[in-house]
C-alpha atoms as a PDB file:
ATOM      1  CA  MET A   1      93.078   0.417   8.011  1.00  0.00           C
ATOM      2  CA  SER A   2      90.106   1.799   6.166  1.00  0.00           C
ATOM      3  CA  ALA A   3      89.760   4.625   8.667  1.00  0.00           C
ATOM      4  CA  LEU A   4      92.580   5.306   6.898  1.00  0.00           C
ATOM      5  CA  LEU A   5      91.729   5.155   3.275  1.00  0.00           C
ATOM      6  CA  ARG A   6      87.940   6.251   3.574  1.00  0.00           C
ATOM      7  CA  ASP A   7      88.311   9.210   2.253  1.00  0.00           C
ATOM      8  CA  HIS A   8      90.506   8.259  -1.159  1.00  0.00           C
ATOM      9  CA  THR A   9      88.085   7.188  -4.060  1.00  0.00           C
ATOM     10  CA  GLY A  10      88.903   3.369  -5.426  1.00  0.00           C
ATOM     11  CA  THR A  11      91.118   1.838  -2.051  1.00  0.00           C
ATOM     12  CA  VAL A  12      90.084  -0.635  -0.294  1.00  0.00           C
ATOM     13  CA  ALA A  13      91.913  -1.937   2.901  1.00  0.00           C
ATOM     14  CA  VAL A  14      92.519  -6.263   3.329  1.00  0.00           C
ATOM     15  CA  MET A  15      93.817  -7.354   6.206  1.00  0.00           C
ATOM     16  CA  ASP A  16      96.618  -5.362   5.629  1.00  0.00           C
ATOM     17  CA  ASP A  17      96.798  -5.248   1.901  1.00  0.00           C
ATOM     18  CA  ILE A  18      95.542  -2.060   0.038  1.00  0.00           C
ATOM     19  CA  LEU A  19      94.298  -2.791  -2.831  1.00  0.00           C
ATOM     20  CA  ILE A  20      94.149  -0.086  -5.341  1.00  0.00           C
ATOM     21  CA  PHE A  21      91.744   0.264  -8.093  1.00  0.00           C
ATOM     22  CA  GLY A  22      90.678   2.016 -10.922  1.00  0.00           C
ATOM     23  CA  LYS A  23      88.012   1.892 -14.109  1.00  0.00           C
ATOM     24  CA  ASN A  24      91.567   2.322 -16.158  1.00  0.00           C
ATOM     25  CA  LYS A  25      94.520   3.494 -15.829  1.00  0.00           C
ATOM     26  CA  GLU A  26      94.188   7.202 -15.718  1.00  0.00           C
ATOM     27  CA  GLU A  27      91.767   6.570 -13.100  1.00  0.00           C
ATOM     28  CA  HIS A  28      94.113   3.960 -11.018  1.00  0.00           C
ATOM     29  CA  ASP A  29      97.247   6.158 -10.933  1.00  0.00           C
ATOM     30  CA  HIS A  30      95.370   8.733 -10.282  1.00  0.00           C
ATOM     31  CA  ASN A  31      94.086   6.749  -6.906  1.00  0.00           C
ATOM     32  CA  LEU A  32      97.680   5.409  -6.806  1.00  0.00           C
ATOM     33  CA  ARG A  33      98.956   9.336  -6.081  1.00  0.00           C
ATOM     34  CA  ALA A  34      96.293   9.636  -3.245  1.00  0.00           C
ATOM     35  CA  ILE A  35      97.675   7.449  -0.997  1.00  0.00           C
ATOM     36  CA  PRO A  36      99.508   9.771   1.543  1.00  0.00           C
ATOM     37  CA  THR A  37     102.883   7.523   2.512  1.00  0.00           C
ATOM     38  CA  ARG A  38     104.609   3.940   1.733  1.00  0.00           C
ATOM     39  CA  GLN A  39     106.664   2.120   4.434  1.00  0.00           C
ATOM     40  CA  THR A  40     109.417   0.415   4.462  1.00  0.00           C
ATOM     41  CA  ASP A  41     112.005  -1.741   6.342  1.00  0.00           C
ATOM     42  CA  TYR A  42     115.030  -1.393   3.582  1.00  0.00           C
ATOM     43  CA  LYS A  43     116.680   1.656   4.707  1.00  0.00           C
ATOM     44  CA  PRO A  44     119.239   2.894   2.005  1.00  0.00           C
ATOM     45  CA  LEU A  45     115.521   3.453  -0.752  1.00  0.00           C
ATOM     46  CA  VAL A  46     114.095   6.183   1.236  1.00  0.00           C
ATOM     47  CA  PRO A  47     117.450   8.489   0.078  1.00  0.00           C
ATOM     48  CA  LEU A  48     117.216   7.166  -3.010  1.00  0.00           C
ATOM     49  CA  ILE A  49     113.141   7.463  -3.787  1.00  0.00           C
ATOM     50  CA  TYR A  50     113.817  11.624  -3.290  1.00  0.00           C
ATOM     51  CA  THR A  51     117.340  11.059  -5.595  1.00  0.00           C
ATOM     52  CA  TYR A  52     116.058  13.538  -8.722  1.00  0.00           C
ATOM     53  CA  ASP A  53     119.335  13.650 -10.497  1.00  0.00           C
ATOM     54  CA  LEU A  54     119.090   9.582 -12.569  1.00  0.00           C
ATOM     55  CA  ASP A  55     122.431  10.164 -13.843  1.00  0.00           C
ATOM     56  CA  LYS A  56     124.097   9.426 -10.581  1.00  0.00           C
ATOM     57  CA  VAL A  57     122.057   6.106  -9.773  1.00  0.00           C
ATOM     58  CA  PRO A  58     122.723   3.363  -9.664  1.00  0.00           C
ATOM     59  CA  LEU A  59     122.320   1.784 -13.637  1.00  0.00           C
ATOM     60  CA  ARG A  60     120.137  -0.846 -12.027  1.00  0.00           C
ATOM     61  CA  CYS A  61     117.621   1.578  -9.650  1.00  0.00           C
ATOM     62  CA  GLN A  62     117.136   4.239 -13.373  1.00  0.00           C
ATOM     63  CA  ARG A  63     114.004   2.409 -14.548  1.00  0.00           C
ATOM     64  CA  LEU A  64     112.378   1.598 -11.107  1.00  0.00           C
ATOM     65  CA  LEU A  65     113.386   5.894 -10.388  1.00  0.00           C
ATOM     66  CA  MET A  66     111.322   6.434 -14.067  1.00  0.00           C
ATOM     67  CA  CYS A  67     108.564   4.969 -13.319  1.00  0.00           C
ATOM     68  CA  LEU A  68     108.190   6.356  -9.623  1.00  0.00           C
ATOM     69  CA  MET A  69     108.530   9.547 -10.986  1.00  0.00           C
ATOM     70  CA  LYS A  70     105.221   9.892 -12.686  1.00  0.00           C
ATOM     71  CA  PHE A  71     104.117   9.188  -8.761  1.00  0.00           C
ATOM     72  CA  ASN A  72     104.397  11.845  -5.920  1.00  0.00           C
ATOM     73  CA  ALA A  73     105.768   9.115  -3.706  1.00  0.00           C
ATOM     74  CA  LYS A  74     106.248   9.775   0.191  1.00  0.00           C
ATOM     75  CA  VAL A  75     108.411   6.947   1.542  1.00  0.00           C
ATOM     76  CA  VAL A  76     109.612   6.766   4.961  1.00  0.00           C
ATOM     77  CA  HIS A  77     111.669   4.031   7.439  1.00  0.00           C
ATOM     78  CA  VAL A  78     109.576   1.612   9.044  1.00  0.00           C
ATOM     79  CA  LEU A  79     111.607  -1.219  11.576  1.00  0.00           C
ATOM     80  CA  GLY A  80     111.014  -4.582  10.358  1.00  0.00           C
ATOM     81  CA  LYS A  81     109.281  -5.008  13.990  1.00  0.00           C
ATOM     82  CA  GLN A  82     106.833  -2.119  13.730  1.00  0.00           C
ATOM     83  CA  LEU A  83     106.064  -2.230  10.230  1.00  0.00           C
ATOM     84  CA  VAL A  84     102.351  -3.555   9.982  1.00  0.00           C
ATOM     85  CA  VAL A  85     101.691  -3.643   6.321  1.00  0.00           C
ATOM     86  CA  ALA A  86     103.033  -6.770   4.651  1.00  0.00           C
ATOM     87  CA  ASP A  87     103.830  -7.351   1.151  1.00  0.00           C
ATOM     88  CA  MET A  88     101.341  -8.291  -0.952  1.00  0.00           C
ATOM     89  CA  LEU A  89     103.352  -9.291  -3.615  1.00  0.00           C
ATOM     90  CA  SER A  90     105.213 -11.829  -1.380  1.00  0.00           C
ATOM     91  CA  ARG A  91     101.765 -12.831   0.234  1.00  0.00           C
ATOM     92  CA  ASN A  92      99.790 -12.961  -3.718  1.00  0.00           C
ATOM     93  CA  PRO A  93     103.261 -13.430  -6.321  1.00  0.00           C
ATOM     94  CA  LEU A  94     102.310 -12.699  -9.180  1.00  0.00           C
ATOM     95  CA  THR A  95     101.620 -15.082 -12.045  1.00  0.00           C
ATOM     96  CA  ASP A  96     103.014 -12.674 -14.786  1.00  0.00           C
ATOM     97  CA  SER A  97     107.005 -12.218 -14.856  1.00  0.00           C
ATOM     98  CA  GLY A  98     106.994  -9.328 -17.384  1.00  0.00           C
ATOM     99  CA  VAL A  99     108.757  -6.456 -17.418  1.00  0.00           C
ATOM    100  CA  PRO A 100     107.170  -3.475 -17.745  1.00  0.00           C
ATOM    101  CA  ASP A 101     107.638  -1.337 -21.153  1.00  0.00           C
ATOM    102  CA  THR A 102     109.994   0.640 -20.343  1.00  0.00           C
ATOM    103  CA  ALA A 103     112.121   1.333 -23.545  1.00  0.00           C
ATOM    104  CA  GLU A 104     110.293   4.330 -24.750  1.00  0.00           C
ATOM    105  CA  ASP A 105     111.415   6.117 -21.103  1.00  0.00           C
ATOM    106  CA  VAL A 106     115.203   4.936 -20.868  1.00  0.00           C
ATOM    107  CA  ASN A 107     115.069   6.405 -24.715  1.00  0.00           C
ATOM    108  CA  ALA A 108     114.002  10.012 -23.682  1.00  0.00           C
ATOM    109  CA  PHE A 109     116.385   9.733 -20.751  1.00  0.00           C
ATOM    110  CA  VAL A 110     119.470   8.434 -22.529  1.00  0.00           C
ATOM    111  CA  GLN A 111     118.048  11.568 -25.092  1.00  0.00           C
ATOM    112  CA  ALA A 112     118.120  13.752 -23.074  1.00  0.00           C
ATOM    113  CA  VAL A 113     121.370  12.876 -21.385  1.00  0.00           C
ATOM    114  CA  MET A 114     123.141  12.902 -24.888  1.00  0.00           C
ATOM    115  CA  SER A 115     121.943  16.223 -25.714  1.00  0.00           C
ATOM    116  CA  THR A 116     122.851  17.934 -23.125  1.00  0.00           C
ATOM    117  CA  ARG A 117     126.829  17.076 -24.394  1.00  0.00           C
ATOM    118  CA  SER A 118     128.744  20.236 -25.399  1.00  0.00           C
ATOM    119  CA  VAL A 119     130.379  17.499 -27.783  1.00  0.00           C
ATOM    120  CA  THR A 120     130.643  17.390 -31.318  1.00  0.00           C
ATOM    121  CA  SER A 121     128.626  14.862 -33.698  1.00  0.00           C
ATOM    122  CA  ASP A 122     132.265  14.029 -36.287  1.00  0.00           C
ATOM    123  CA  ARG A 123     134.224  13.748 -32.471  1.00  0.00           C
ATOM    124  CA  LEU A 124     131.498  11.721 -31.159  1.00  0.00           C
ATOM    125  CA  ASP A 125     132.115   9.277 -34.006  1.00  0.00           C
ATOM    126  CA  SER A 126     135.647   9.684 -33.648  1.00  0.00           C
ATOM    127  CA  ILE A 127     135.255   8.316 -29.466  1.00  0.00           C
ATOM    128  CA  ARG A 128     132.796   6.253 -30.603  1.00  0.00           C
ATOM    129  CA  ALA A 129     135.045   4.768 -33.558  1.00  0.00           C
ATOM    130  CA  ALA A 130     137.418   4.480 -31.086  1.00  0.00           C
ATOM    131  CA  THR A 131     135.939   2.366 -28.688  1.00  0.00           C
ATOM    132  CA  ARG A 132     135.596  -0.460 -31.480  1.00  0.00           C
ATOM    133  CA  GLN A 133     139.578   0.077 -31.505  1.00  0.00           C
ATOM    134  CA  ASP A 134     139.812   0.169 -28.133  1.00  0.00           C
ATOM    135  CA  VAL A 135     140.245  -4.586 -26.835  1.00  0.00           C
ATOM    136  CA  ASP A 136     139.524  -3.583 -23.355  1.00  0.00           C
ATOM    137  CA  LEU A 137     136.732  -0.733 -23.519  1.00  0.00           C
ATOM    138  CA  GLN A 138     134.914  -3.657 -26.094  1.00  0.00           C
ATOM    139  CA  ARG A 139     135.587  -6.501 -23.523  1.00  0.00           C
ATOM    140  CA  VAL A 140     133.500  -3.626 -20.656  1.00  0.00           C
ATOM    141  CA  ALA A 141     131.139  -3.260 -23.046  1.00  0.00           C
ATOM    142  CA  SER A 142     130.418  -7.051 -23.293  1.00  0.00           C
ATOM    143  CA  TYR A 143     130.452  -7.456 -19.721  1.00  0.00           C
ATOM    144  CA  ILE A 144     127.856  -4.043 -19.412  1.00  0.00           C
ATOM    145  CA  HIS A 145     125.768  -6.897 -21.806  1.00  0.00           C
ATOM    146  CA  GLU A 146     126.282  -9.643 -20.469  1.00  0.00           C
ATOM    147  CA  GLY A 147     127.192  -9.352 -16.459  1.00  0.00           C
ATOM    148  CA  TRP A 148     131.151  -8.896 -15.104  1.00  0.00           C
ATOM    149  CA  PRO A 149     131.877 -12.225 -13.524  1.00  0.00           C
ATOM    150  CA  SER A 150     131.852 -13.994 -10.008  1.00  0.00           C
ATOM    151  CA  ASP A 151     135.665 -14.242  -9.703  1.00  0.00           C
ATOM    152  CA  MET A 152     137.847 -11.154  -9.799  1.00  0.00           C
ATOM    153  CA  SER A 153     140.450 -13.592 -10.937  1.00  0.00           C
ATOM    154  CA  LEU A 154     138.421 -14.408 -14.057  1.00  0.00           C
ATOM    155  CA  ILE A 155     138.399 -10.287 -15.125  1.00  0.00           C
ATOM    156  CA  PRO A 156     141.753  -8.848 -16.455  1.00  0.00           C
ATOM    157  CA  TYR A 157     144.238  -6.617 -14.058  1.00  0.00           C
ATOM    158  CA  SER A 158     143.388  -3.707 -17.105  1.00  0.00           C
ATOM    159  CA  LEU A 159     139.416  -4.019 -16.080  1.00  0.00           C
ATOM    160  CA  HIS A 160     139.937  -4.557 -12.095  1.00  0.00           C
ATOM    161  CA  GLY A 161     138.834  -0.304 -11.902  1.00  0.00           C
ATOM    162  CA  PHE A 162     136.190  -0.665 -14.025  1.00  0.00           C
ATOM    163  CA  HIS A 163     134.865  -3.093 -12.002  1.00  0.00           C
ATOM    164  CA  ALA A 164     134.703  -1.526  -9.456  1.00  0.00           C
ATOM    165  CA  ALA A 165     132.524   1.279 -11.070  1.00  0.00           C
ATOM    166  CA  ARG A 166     130.395  -1.714 -13.161  1.00  0.00           C
ATOM    167  CA  ALA A 167     127.321   0.174 -11.111  1.00  0.00           C
ATOM    168  CA  HIS A 168     128.129   3.454 -12.998  1.00  0.00           C
ATOM    169  CA  LEU A 169     128.888   1.735 -16.402  1.00  0.00           C
ATOM    170  CA  SER A 170     126.434   1.695 -20.046  1.00  0.00           C
ATOM    171  CA  GLU A 171     127.116   1.581 -23.505  1.00  0.00           C
ATOM    172  CA  VAL A 172     124.916   3.899 -24.821  1.00  0.00           C
ATOM    173  CA  ASN A 173     124.269   4.433 -29.392  1.00  0.00           C
ATOM    174  CA  GLY A 174     128.655   2.543 -29.093  1.00  0.00           C
ATOM    175  CA  LEU A 175     130.257   5.044 -26.545  1.00  0.00           C
ATOM    176  CA  LEU A 176     131.395   4.020 -22.485  1.00  0.00           C
ATOM    177  CA  LEU A 177     129.733   5.685 -19.645  1.00  0.00           C
ATOM    178  CA  HIS A 178     130.580   6.144 -16.779  1.00  0.00           C
ATOM    179  CA  ASP A 179     127.324   8.223 -15.260  1.00  0.00           C
ATOM    180  CA  ASP A 180     126.574  10.981 -17.248  1.00  0.00           C
ATOM    181  CA  ARG A 181     130.141  10.946 -19.051  1.00  0.00           C
ATOM    182  CA  ILE A 182     131.276   9.550 -22.058  1.00  0.00           C
ATOM    183  CA  ILE A 183     134.278   7.367 -21.301  1.00  0.00           C
ATOM    184  CA  ILE A 184     137.314   8.211 -23.429  1.00  0.00           C
ATOM    185  CA  PRO A 185     139.143   5.400 -24.733  1.00  0.00           C
ATOM    186  CA  ALA A 186     143.137   5.850 -24.440  1.00  0.00           C
ATOM    187  CA  SER A 187     144.201   6.349 -27.992  1.00  0.00           C
ATOM    188  CA  GLN A 188     141.145   9.542 -27.765  1.00  0.00           C
ATOM    189  CA  ARG A 189     143.141  11.115 -24.737  1.00  0.00           C
ATOM    190  CA  LYS A 190     145.282  13.733 -24.733  1.00  0.00           C
ATOM    191  CA  LEU A 191     147.871  14.110 -22.751  1.00  0.00           C
ATOM    192  CA  GLY A 192     147.352  18.042 -20.230  1.00  0.00           C
ATOM    193  CA  SER A 193     143.823  17.563 -20.723  1.00  0.00           C
ATOM    194  CA  PRO A 194     140.809  17.770 -18.116  1.00  0.00           C
ATOM    195  CA  VAL A 195     139.488  14.220 -18.257  1.00  0.00           C
ATOM    196  CA  THR A 196     135.604  14.695 -19.174  1.00  0.00           C
END
């Protein structure tokens, strides 16, 4: 492992873990970008890392992908029994379980998605007001914020469709979204018009 990393400054191989360091955050990130390939035994992670259309990714993965977009990550799948690079966090867990401050990144992404809407601000305001009046959508919004019940019998039948798509639902500024599409309340829908 040391021979593999000898050309990368700011890296040290310790047993089967790699320590990356720098004098400041920028130097650390530069050294981290230089590590060519990450290996994982979790196969579904590989195509997820290479997804650059964030609004098509489940919400719980978007924050991770926004952090990874700063780096030139190359991820390959390796069978668990052949994976020799141990997960350092499993050997030395962090004592600080604080969530990294990605609020700026999340807000920038939300603003970018919302700015691409071809909807007038008056129409958005009317959708927002109708969403506040819609009992089902208010319950969905509370489930988004507080978590969905684990028992389906506790969820009203009218919300079962939302439960099936719960990984794709979010709430932004009083609007409910399914991926990057605004959920239109029933009172605002027009018969015969295309669904947005």
